[in-house]
């Protein structure tokens, strides 16, 4: 998953107002974030649940108009009042429900503008799941490193074993609904596009790579 972050700049002294535009409806107010006890507390709470990026202060957003975000997968489980921790350097965002003390969603962050009707290009950030279908120890981790080197903005969110370990050829399975873009990513990785193999569970990611023996 990815969404676009569009900073609108700082206003005033000591108090900033920044806009996070997702479909044009998501807003938050930033109040002295670096010294805010609320932000420090949120980071501590969320950090006990997941590993957060280090060396960076997050921007914190509050969901205020949930109904207007219904088309955004990142906010599928969100309710008004939930918090979003945004790490622009690490290009990651975390949706946190303080009532249940749960992280509801983690997403890659696309910095920049969205694609315009004129066809202007936009930055993209994709998530990948990598599964070892070759039965070779460590091969999924090695391929994951290669993905993050070759695909700009890529984040590997899963490395695991495939249900089978006898795949001869590696394959890329796309869930983004854009065949042209999927072929571009496949070419970058040097693998062929394919369907989700029988028995494999669809991952919570934009792409699945099943690594075969051709990468061994």
C-alpha atoms as a PDB file:
ATOM      1  CA  UNK A   1       0.000   0.000   0.000  1.00  0.00           C
ATOM      2  CA  UNK A   2       1.045   3.507  -0.537  1.00  0.00           C
ATOM      3  CA  UNK A   3      -0.341   6.963  -0.195  1.00  0.00           C
ATOM      4  CA  UNK A   4       0.854  10.416  -1.057  1.00  0.00           C
ATOM      5  CA  UNK A   5       2.228  12.929   1.385  1.00  0.00           C
ATOM      6  CA  UNK A   6       2.001  16.553   0.366  1.00  0.00           C
ATOM      7  CA  UNK A   7       3.483  19.070   2.840  1.00  0.00           C
ATOM      8  CA  UNK A   8       1.864  22.506   2.726  1.00  0.00           C
ATOM      9  CA  UNK A   9       4.436  24.285   4.849  1.00  0.00           C
ATOM     10  CA  UNK A  10       4.714  25.861   8.316  1.00  0.00           C
ATOM     11  CA  UNK A  11       2.507  28.699   9.502  1.00  0.00           C
ATOM     12  CA  UNK A  12       3.130  30.880  12.560  1.00  0.00           C
ATOM     13  CA  UNK A  13       5.792  30.698  15.238  1.00  0.00           C
ATOM     14  CA  UNK A  14       5.992  27.603  17.404  1.00  0.00           C
ATOM     15  CA  UNK A  15       2.761  26.169  16.039  1.00  0.00           C
ATOM     16  CA  UNK A  16       2.722  24.621  12.582  1.00  0.00           C
ATOM     17  CA  UNK A  17      -0.083  23.563  10.343  1.00  0.00           C
ATOM     18  CA  UNK A  18       0.740  20.880   7.829  1.00  0.00           C
ATOM     19  CA  UNK A  19      -1.625  19.114   5.493  1.00  0.00           C
ATOM     20  CA  UNK A  20      -1.544  15.431   4.702  1.00  0.00           C
ATOM     21  CA  UNK A  21      -3.626  15.028   1.550  1.00  0.00           C
ATOM     22  CA  UNK A  22      -4.993  11.592   0.814  1.00  0.00           C
ATOM     23  CA  UNK A  23      -7.680  11.939  -1.764  1.00  0.00           C
ATOM     24  CA  UNK A  24      -7.855  15.561  -0.633  1.00  0.00           C
ATOM     25  CA  UNK A  25      -9.654  14.880   2.672  1.00  0.00           C
ATOM     26  CA  UNK A  26      -7.166  14.120   5.425  1.00  0.00           C
ATOM     27  CA  UNK A  27      -5.929  16.957   7.649  1.00  0.00           C
ATOM     28  CA  UNK A  28      -4.107  17.297  10.904  1.00  0.00           C
ATOM     29  CA  UNK A  29      -2.629  19.950  13.126  1.00  0.00           C
ATOM     30  CA  UNK A  30       0.990  19.750  14.162  1.00  0.00           C
ATOM     31  CA  UNK A  31       1.719  21.388  17.536  1.00  0.00           C
ATOM     32  CA  UNK A  32       5.426  21.648  18.343  1.00  0.00           C
ATOM     33  CA  UNK A  33       5.951  18.025  17.447  1.00  0.00           C
ATOM     34  CA  UNK A  34       9.533  17.657  18.559  1.00  0.00           C
ATOM     35  CA  UNK A  35       8.742  18.601  22.155  1.00  0.00           C
ATOM     36  CA  UNK A  36       5.168  17.348  22.355  1.00  0.00           C
ATOM     37  CA  UNK A  37       4.549  14.979  25.255  1.00  0.00           C
ATOM     38  CA  UNK A  38       1.738  13.448  23.224  1.00  0.00           C
ATOM     39  CA  UNK A  39       4.068  12.519  20.384  1.00  0.00           C
ATOM     40  CA  UNK A  40       6.692  11.127  22.756  1.00  0.00           C
ATOM     41  CA  UNK A  41       4.010   9.041  24.437  1.00  0.00           C
ATOM     42  CA  UNK A  42       2.648   7.768  21.138  1.00  0.00           C
ATOM     43  CA  UNK A  43       6.094   6.744  19.939  1.00  0.00           C
ATOM     44  CA  UNK A  44       6.667   4.831  23.170  1.00  0.00           C
ATOM     45  CA  UNK A  45       3.319   3.034  22.924  1.00  0.00           C
ATOM     46  CA  UNK A  46       3.608   2.145  19.240  1.00  0.00           C
ATOM     47  CA  UNK A  47       7.275   1.241  19.671  1.00  0.00           C
ATOM     48  CA  UNK A  48       6.278  -1.483  22.114  1.00  0.00           C
ATOM     49  CA  UNK A  49       4.130  -3.059  19.410  1.00  0.00           C
ATOM     50  CA  UNK A  50       6.301  -2.723  16.293  1.00  0.00           C
ATOM     51  CA  UNK A  51       9.857  -1.701  15.459  1.00  0.00           C
ATOM     52  CA  UNK A  52       9.779   1.990  14.489  1.00  0.00           C
ATOM     53  CA  UNK A  53      12.399   3.821  12.386  1.00  0.00           C
ATOM     54  CA  UNK A  54      15.224   5.167  14.510  1.00  0.00           C
ATOM     55  CA  UNK A  55      16.813   8.600  14.458  1.00  0.00           C
ATOM     56  CA  UNK A  56      13.735  10.409  13.183  1.00  0.00           C
ATOM     57  CA  UNK A  57      10.878  12.286  14.825  1.00  0.00           C
ATOM     58  CA  UNK A  58       7.520  11.320  13.319  1.00  0.00           C
ATOM     59  CA  UNK A  59       4.806  13.652  12.181  1.00  0.00           C
ATOM     60  CA  UNK A  60       1.560  12.720  13.933  1.00  0.00           C
ATOM     61  CA  UNK A  61      -1.814  12.959  12.211  1.00  0.00           C
ATOM     62  CA  UNK A  62      -5.329  12.385  13.515  1.00  0.00           C
ATOM     63  CA  UNK A  63      -8.120  10.805  11.466  1.00  0.00           C
ATOM     64  CA  UNK A  64     -11.009  13.270  11.526  1.00  0.00           C
ATOM     65  CA  UNK A  65     -13.219  12.411   8.524  1.00  0.00           C
ATOM     66  CA  UNK A  66     -13.124   8.640   8.244  1.00  0.00           C
ATOM     67  CA  UNK A  67     -16.070   8.425   5.816  1.00  0.00           C
ATOM     68  CA  UNK A  68     -14.158  10.442   3.228  1.00  0.00           C
ATOM     69  CA  UNK A  69     -11.250   7.977   3.323  1.00  0.00           C
ATOM     70  CA  UNK A  70     -13.299   4.891   2.493  1.00  0.00           C
ATOM     71  CA  UNK A  71     -11.483   4.371  -0.802  1.00  0.00           C
ATOM     72  CA  UNK A  72      -8.048   4.232   0.836  1.00  0.00           C
ATOM     73  CA  UNK A  73      -6.923   0.702   1.830  1.00  0.00           C
ATOM     74  CA  UNK A  74      -4.625   2.132   4.506  1.00  0.00           C
ATOM     75  CA  UNK A  75      -7.666   3.475   6.385  1.00  0.00           C
ATOM     76  CA  UNK A  76      -9.928   0.428   5.956  1.00  0.00           C
ATOM     77  CA  UNK A  77      -9.869  -0.291   9.714  1.00  0.00           C
ATOM     78  CA  UNK A  78      -9.586   3.312  10.895  1.00  0.00           C
ATOM     79  CA  UNK A  79     -11.999   5.237  13.065  1.00  0.00           C
ATOM     80  CA  UNK A  80     -12.105   8.940  13.853  1.00  0.00           C
ATOM     81  CA  UNK A  81      -9.552   9.724  16.534  1.00  0.00           C
ATOM     82  CA  UNK A  82      -7.002   7.139  15.395  1.00  0.00           C
ATOM     83  CA  UNK A  83      -3.441   8.370  15.019  1.00  0.00           C
ATOM     84  CA  UNK A  84      -1.045   8.114  12.097  1.00  0.00           C
ATOM     85  CA  UNK A  85       2.696   8.254  12.764  1.00  0.00           C
ATOM     86  CA  UNK A  86       4.438   9.426   9.596  1.00  0.00           C
ATOM     87  CA  UNK A  87       8.175   8.930   9.118  1.00  0.00           C
ATOM     88  CA  UNK A  88       9.050  10.876   5.990  1.00  0.00           C
ATOM     89  CA  UNK A  89      12.726   9.886   6.036  1.00  0.00           C
ATOM     90  CA  UNK A  90      12.020   6.181   6.321  1.00  0.00           C
ATOM     91  CA  UNK A  91       8.934   6.559   4.082  1.00  0.00           C
ATOM     92  CA  UNK A  92       6.732   4.618   6.464  1.00  0.00           C
ATOM     93  CA  UNK A  93       3.355   5.308   8.076  1.00  0.00           C
ATOM     94  CA  UNK A  94       1.694   3.546  11.009  1.00  0.00           C
ATOM     95  CA  UNK A  95      -2.027   3.644  11.805  1.00  0.00           C
ATOM     96  CA  UNK A  96      -2.575   3.300  15.559  1.00  0.00           C
ATOM     97  CA  UNK A  97      -5.777   2.766  17.549  1.00  0.00           C
ATOM     98  CA  UNK A  98      -5.124   4.058  21.054  1.00  0.00           C
ATOM     99  CA  UNK A  99      -8.409   2.683  22.407  1.00  0.00           C
ATOM    100  CA  UNK A 100      -7.420  -0.917  21.704  1.00  0.00           C
ATOM    101  CA  UNK A 101      -3.654  -0.229  21.781  1.00  0.00           C
ATOM    102  CA  UNK A 102      -3.159  -1.836  18.380  1.00  0.00           C
ATOM    103  CA  UNK A 103      -1.291  -0.987  15.199  1.00  0.00           C
ATOM    104  CA  UNK A 104      -3.976  -1.385  12.540  1.00  0.00           C
ATOM    105  CA  UNK A 105      -1.895  -0.851   9.415  1.00  0.00           C
ATOM    106  CA  UNK A 106       1.659  -0.195   8.223  1.00  0.00           C
ATOM    107  CA  UNK A 107       2.248   1.354   4.810  1.00  0.00           C
ATOM    108  CA  UNK A 108       5.002   2.598   2.580  1.00  0.00           C
ATOM    109  CA  UNK A 109       4.872   6.340   2.120  1.00  0.00           C
ATOM    110  CA  UNK A 110       5.035   7.922  -1.314  1.00  0.00           C
ATOM    111  CA  UNK A 111       6.513  11.400  -1.086  1.00  0.00           C
ATOM    112  CA  UNK A 112       5.556  13.826  -3.798  1.00  0.00           C
ATOM    113  CA  UNK A 113       2.489  14.589  -5.883  1.00  0.00           C
ATOM    114  CA  UNK A 114      -0.017  12.133  -7.202  1.00  0.00           C
ATOM    115  CA  UNK A 115      -0.413  11.409 -10.863  1.00  0.00           C
ATOM    116  CA  UNK A 116      -2.318  14.130 -12.653  1.00  0.00           C
ATOM    117  CA  UNK A 117      -4.964  13.774 -15.331  1.00  0.00           C
ATOM    118  CA  UNK A 118      -2.390  14.959 -17.858  1.00  0.00           C
ATOM    119  CA  UNK A 119      -0.401  11.778 -17.215  1.00  0.00           C
ATOM    120  CA  UNK A 120       2.410  13.417 -15.298  1.00  0.00           C
ATOM    121  CA  UNK A 121       4.557  10.767 -13.604  1.00  0.00           C
ATOM    122  CA  UNK A 122       4.550  10.334  -9.852  1.00  0.00           C
ATOM    123  CA  UNK A 123       6.849   8.636  -7.374  1.00  0.00           C
ATOM    124  CA  UNK A 124       5.768   5.163  -6.319  1.00  0.00           C
ATOM    125  CA  UNK A 125       6.660   3.061  -3.311  1.00  0.00           C
ATOM    126  CA  UNK A 126       5.761  -0.622  -3.270  1.00  0.00           C
ATOM    127  CA  UNK A 127       5.653  -3.323  -0.636  1.00  0.00           C
ATOM    128  CA  UNK A 128       6.919  -6.833  -1.325  1.00  0.00           C
ATOM    129  CA  UNK A 129       6.552 -10.254   0.214  1.00  0.00           C
ATOM    130  CA  UNK A 130       9.366 -12.687  -0.615  1.00  0.00           C
ATOM    131  CA  UNK A 131       8.993 -16.444  -0.174  1.00  0.00           C
ATOM    132  CA  UNK A 132      11.628 -19.134  -0.507  1.00  0.00           C
ATOM    133  CA  UNK A 133      10.405 -21.634  -3.070  1.00  0.00           C
ATOM    134  CA  UNK A 134      13.822 -23.127  -3.747  1.00  0.00           C
ATOM    135  CA  UNK A 135      14.609 -24.761  -0.422  1.00  0.00           C
ATOM    136  CA  UNK A 136      17.925 -22.900  -0.287  1.00  0.00           C
ATOM    137  CA  UNK A 137      18.672 -21.395   3.121  1.00  0.00           C
ATOM    138  CA  UNK A 138      18.781 -17.589   3.139  1.00  0.00           C
ATOM    139  CA  UNK A 139      17.720 -17.125  -0.469  1.00  0.00           C
ATOM    140  CA  UNK A 140      14.572 -15.142   0.393  1.00  0.00           C
ATOM    141  CA  UNK A 141      16.589 -12.677   2.478  1.00  0.00           C
ATOM    142  CA  UNK A 142      19.148 -12.259  -0.288  1.00  0.00           C
ATOM    143  CA  UNK A 143      16.450 -11.577  -2.852  1.00  0.00           C
ATOM    144  CA  UNK A 144      14.785  -9.114  -0.475  1.00  0.00           C
ATOM    145  CA  UNK A 145      18.016  -7.111  -0.289  1.00  0.00           C
ATOM    146  CA  UNK A 146      18.211  -7.079  -4.075  1.00  0.00           C
ATOM    147  CA  UNK A 147      14.628  -5.795  -4.337  1.00  0.00           C
ATOM    148  CA  UNK A 148      15.351  -2.832  -2.070  1.00  0.00           C
ATOM    149  CA  UNK A 149      18.469  -2.052  -4.107  1.00  0.00           C
ATOM    150  CA  UNK A 150      16.842  -2.236  -7.541  1.00  0.00           C
ATOM    151  CA  UNK A 151      13.308  -0.930  -6.933  1.00  0.00           C
ATOM    152  CA  UNK A 152      13.315   2.637  -5.670  1.00  0.00           C
ATOM    153  CA  UNK A 153      11.207   3.094  -2.545  1.00  0.00           C
ATOM    154  CA  UNK A 154      10.548  -0.645  -2.175  1.00  0.00           C
ATOM    155  CA  UNK A 155       9.905  -2.106   1.264  1.00  0.00           C
ATOM    156  CA  UNK A 156      10.004  -5.833   1.954  1.00  0.00           C
ATOM    157  CA  UNK A 157       7.345  -6.544   4.574  1.00  0.00           C
ATOM    158  CA  UNK A 158       7.604 -10.343   4.616  1.00  0.00           C
ATOM    159  CA  UNK A 159      10.262 -13.006   4.086  1.00  0.00           C
ATOM    160  CA  UNK A 160       9.125 -16.585   4.606  1.00  0.00           C
ATOM    161  CA  UNK A 161       9.033 -20.039   3.069  1.00  0.00           C
ATOM    162  CA  UNK A 162       6.711 -20.931   0.215  1.00  0.00           C
ATOM    163  CA  UNK A 163       4.373 -23.892   0.563  1.00  0.00           C
ATOM    164  CA  UNK A 164       6.589 -25.747  -1.918  1.00  0.00           C
ATOM    165  CA  UNK A 165      10.364 -25.842  -2.209  1.00  0.00           C
ATOM    166  CA  UNK A 166      10.660 -27.216  -5.744  1.00  0.00           C
ATOM    167  CA  UNK A 167      10.075 -24.107  -7.854  1.00  0.00           C
ATOM    168  CA  UNK A 168      12.542 -24.078 -10.721  1.00  0.00           C
ATOM    169  CA  UNK A 169      11.789 -20.537 -11.937  1.00  0.00           C
ATOM    170  CA  UNK A 170      11.194 -17.465  -9.810  1.00  0.00           C
ATOM    171  CA  UNK A 171       8.028 -15.482 -10.376  1.00  0.00           C
ATOM    172  CA  UNK A 172       6.587 -12.097  -9.504  1.00  0.00           C
ATOM    173  CA  UNK A 173       2.891 -11.954  -8.627  1.00  0.00           C
ATOM    174  CA  UNK A 174       1.335  -8.504  -8.868  1.00  0.00           C
ATOM    175  CA  UNK A 175      -1.644  -7.185  -6.906  1.00  0.00           C
ATOM    176  CA  UNK A 176      -1.494  -3.549  -8.057  1.00  0.00           C
ATOM    177  CA  UNK A 177      -3.829  -3.876 -11.041  1.00  0.00           C
ATOM    178  CA  UNK A 178      -1.373  -2.220 -13.433  1.00  0.00           C
ATOM    179  CA  UNK A 179       0.103  -4.750 -15.865  1.00  0.00           C
ATOM    180  CA  UNK A 180       2.482  -2.286 -17.524  1.00  0.00           C
ATOM    181  CA  UNK A 181       3.959  -1.232 -14.190  1.00  0.00           C
ATOM    182  CA  UNK A 182       4.110  -4.829 -12.990  1.00  0.00           C
ATOM    183  CA  UNK A 183       6.105  -5.805 -16.084  1.00  0.00           C
ATOM    184  CA  UNK A 184       8.502  -2.927 -15.402  1.00  0.00           C
ATOM    185  CA  UNK A 185       9.093  -4.169 -11.865  1.00  0.00           C
ATOM    186  CA  UNK A 186       9.540  -7.741 -13.096  1.00  0.00           C
ATOM    187  CA  UNK A 187      12.175  -6.588 -15.580  1.00  0.00           C
ATOM    188  CA  UNK A 188      14.019  -4.721 -12.843  1.00  0.00           C
ATOM    189  CA  UNK A 189      14.156  -7.909 -10.799  1.00  0.00           C
ATOM    190  CA  UNK A 190      14.929 -10.218 -13.707  1.00  0.00           C
ATOM    191  CA  UNK A 191      11.938 -12.499 -13.140  1.00  0.00           C
ATOM    192  CA  UNK A 192       8.743 -13.314 -15.003  1.00  0.00           C
ATOM    193  CA  UNK A 193       5.225 -12.298 -14.050  1.00  0.00           C
ATOM    194  CA  UNK A 194       2.963 -15.119 -12.975  1.00  0.00           C
ATOM    195  CA  UNK A 195      -0.214 -16.022 -11.153  1.00  0.00           C
ATOM    196  CA  UNK A 196      -0.448 -16.698  -7.448  1.00  0.00           C
ATOM    197  CA  UNK A 197       0.694 -20.321  -7.063  1.00  0.00           C
ATOM    198  CA  UNK A 198      -1.842 -22.822  -5.821  1.00  0.00           C
ATOM    199  CA  UNK A 199      -1.704 -23.131  -2.055  1.00  0.00           C
ATOM    200  CA  UNK A 200       0.043 -19.819  -1.490  1.00  0.00           C
ATOM    201  CA  UNK A 201      -1.797 -17.260   0.630  1.00  0.00           C
ATOM    202  CA  UNK A 202      -2.113 -13.773  -0.815  1.00  0.00           C
ATOM    203  CA  UNK A 203       0.188 -11.488   1.205  1.00  0.00           C
ATOM    204  CA  UNK A 204      -0.540  -8.033   2.581  1.00  0.00           C
ATOM    205  CA  UNK A 205       1.733  -6.496  -0.037  1.00  0.00           C
ATOM    206  CA  UNK A 206       1.697  -5.034  -3.538  1.00  0.00           C
ATOM    207  CA  UNK A 207       3.856  -7.849  -4.932  1.00  0.00           C
ATOM    208  CA  UNK A 208       4.793 -11.386  -4.039  1.00  0.00           C
ATOM    209  CA  UNK A 209       8.075 -12.891  -5.206  1.00  0.00           C
ATOM    210  CA  UNK A 210       8.408 -16.664  -5.067  1.00  0.00           C
ATOM    211  CA  UNK A 211      12.134 -17.308  -5.360  1.00  0.00           C
ATOM    212  CA  UNK A 212      12.991 -20.408  -7.367  1.00  0.00           C
ATOM    213  CA  UNK A 213      16.115 -22.469  -7.905  1.00  0.00           C
ATOM    214  CA  UNK A 214      17.162 -20.242 -10.810  1.00  0.00           C
ATOM    215  CA  UNK A 215      18.295 -17.735  -8.154  1.00  0.00           C
ATOM    216  CA  UNK A 216      20.334 -20.260  -6.210  1.00  0.00           C
END
